[in-house]
Amino acid sequence: MAAALRLGASETSPGPSLTSLGGEETLSTPQRALVRHAAAVVLESEGMQAAIVRGEAVNHEDLVRVSNVLARLMRDLGVRGTGKPPAAPDLKSYLGSRPAA
């Protein structure tokens, strides 16, 4: 079942892994259902995005709907995106990390 519930199976596939959700054994039955649903939605979204890259016509309203469903599922699962880039070091840290001239 772990393979079926796995999200983010590769670096190119967005989404959490079961480990990031606490492991398969910690998920309730409803949470597992949400993970399965999210995995299916990720696949649908990536398929639509791949079609766009290939130059195929895609209903953009459907793509937005799929994205919104995925966002709600991730929120319901308690998954938070990193969102922000790492903070830039302060000047003293930056200068300290550079080799002496």
Protein backbone atom coordinates (compact mmCIF):
# COMPACT_ATOMS: atom_id res chain seq x y z
CA MET A 1 0.00 0.00 0.00
CA ALA A 2 2.91 2.37 0.64
CA ALA A 3 3.72 2.59 -3.07
CA ALA A 4 0.12 3.48 -3.88
CA LEU A 5 0.10 6.20 -1.23
CA ARG A 6 3.45 7.67 -2.16
CA LEU A 7 3.43 11.28 -3.26
CA GLY A 8 6.52 13.03 -4.51
CA ALA A 9 8.05 9.80 -5.76
CA SER A 10 10.70 11.70 -7.67
CA GLU A 11 12.43 15.03 -7.52
CA THR A 12 10.34 16.23 -10.46
CA SER A 13 7.06 15.27 -8.85
CA PRO A 14 5.73 17.74 -6.28
CA GLY A 15 4.07 16.69 -3.11
CA PRO A 16 4.87 15.17 0.25
CA SER A 17 6.02 11.66 0.94
CA LEU A 18 4.39 9.42 3.52
CA THR A 19 7.44 9.95 5.68
CA SER A 20 6.85 13.70 5.74
CA LEU A 21 3.30 12.99 6.93
CA GLY A 22 4.54 10.87 9.84
CA GLY A 23 4.67 7.51 8.08
CA GLU A 24 1.97 5.25 6.71
CA GLU A 25 1.31 3.61 10.07
CA THR A 26 0.40 6.96 11.66
CA LEU A 27 -2.21 7.92 9.05
CA SER A 28 -5.87 7.34 9.73
CA THR A 29 -8.08 5.76 7.09
CA PRO A 30 -9.50 9.15 6.03
CA GLN A 31 -5.97 10.58 5.78
CA ARG A 32 -4.91 7.65 3.59
CA ALA A 33 -7.90 8.35 1.35
CA LEU A 34 -6.83 12.00 1.09
CA VAL A 35 -3.28 10.94 0.19
CA ARG A 36 -4.57 8.60 -2.53
CA HIS A 37 -6.81 11.35 -3.87
CA ALA A 38 -3.94 13.86 -3.80
CA ALA A 39 -1.70 11.40 -5.66
CA ALA A 40 -4.32 11.01 -8.39
CA VAL A 41 -4.75 14.79 -8.65
CA VAL A 42 -0.96 15.30 -8.89
CA LEU A 43 -0.86 12.84 -11.79
CA GLU A 44 -3.76 14.59 -13.53
CA SER A 45 -2.13 18.00 -13.05
CA GLU A 46 1.23 16.82 -14.34
CA GLY A 47 -0.46 15.21 -17.35
CA MET A 48 -2.17 18.49 -18.18
CA GLN A 49 1.06 20.43 -17.76
CA ALA A 50 2.92 17.96 -19.98
CA ALA A 51 0.23 18.41 -22.63
CA ILE A 52 0.79 22.19 -22.51
CA VAL A 53 4.54 21.67 -22.99
CA ARG A 54 3.82 19.43 -26.00
CA GLY A 55 1.74 22.23 -27.48
CA GLU A 56 -1.56 20.42 -27.07
CA ALA A 57 -4.76 22.23 -26.25
CA VAL A 58 -5.66 22.11 -22.57
CA ASN A 59 -8.72 23.58 -20.92
CA HIS A 60 -7.12 26.10 -18.59
CA GLU A 61 -10.21 26.24 -16.39
CA ASP A 62 -9.79 22.51 -15.75
CA LEU A 63 -6.13 23.05 -14.90
CA VAL A 64 -7.07 25.75 -12.39
CA ARG A 65 -9.72 23.48 -10.87
CA VAL A 66 -7.23 20.61 -10.55
CA SER A 67 -4.70 22.96 -8.93
CA ASN A 68 -7.30 24.23 -6.47
CA VAL A 69 -8.36 20.69 -5.55
CA LEU A 70 -4.74 19.76 -4.94
CA ALA A 71 -4.18 22.86 -2.79
CA ARG A 72 -7.23 21.99 -0.66
CA LEU A 73 -6.10 18.37 -0.28
CA MET A 74 -2.61 19.46 0.78
CA ARG A 75 -4.13 21.91 3.27
CA ASP A 76 -6.41 19.20 4.64
CA LEU A 77 -3.41 16.90 5.04
CA GLY A 78 -1.52 19.63 6.89
CA VAL A 79 1.16 19.91 4.21
CA ARG A 80 2.78 23.30 4.09
CA GLY A 81 4.86 24.35 1.12
CA THR A 82 8.22 25.86 1.80
CA GLY A 83 7.02 28.92 -0.05
CA LYS A 84 9.81 31.25 0.97
CA PRO A 85 13.36 31.05 -0.32
CA PRO A 86 16.03 30.61 2.32
CA ALA A 87 16.85 33.81 4.15
CA ALA A 88 19.90 35.64 2.88
CA PRO A 89 22.76 35.73 5.39
CA ASP A 90 23.49 39.00 7.10
CA LEU A 91 26.54 40.92 5.92
CA LYS A 92 28.79 39.71 8.74
CA SER A 93 27.95 36.03 8.02
CA TYR A 94 28.40 36.53 4.30
CA LEU A 95 31.79 38.20 4.66
CA GLY A 96 32.86 35.53 7.18
CA SER A 97 32.05 32.76 4.70
CA ARG A 98 34.26 34.21 1.97
CA PRO A 99 37.94 33.29 1.71
CA ALA A 100 40.33 35.98 2.86
CA ALA A 101 41.79 38.06 0.03
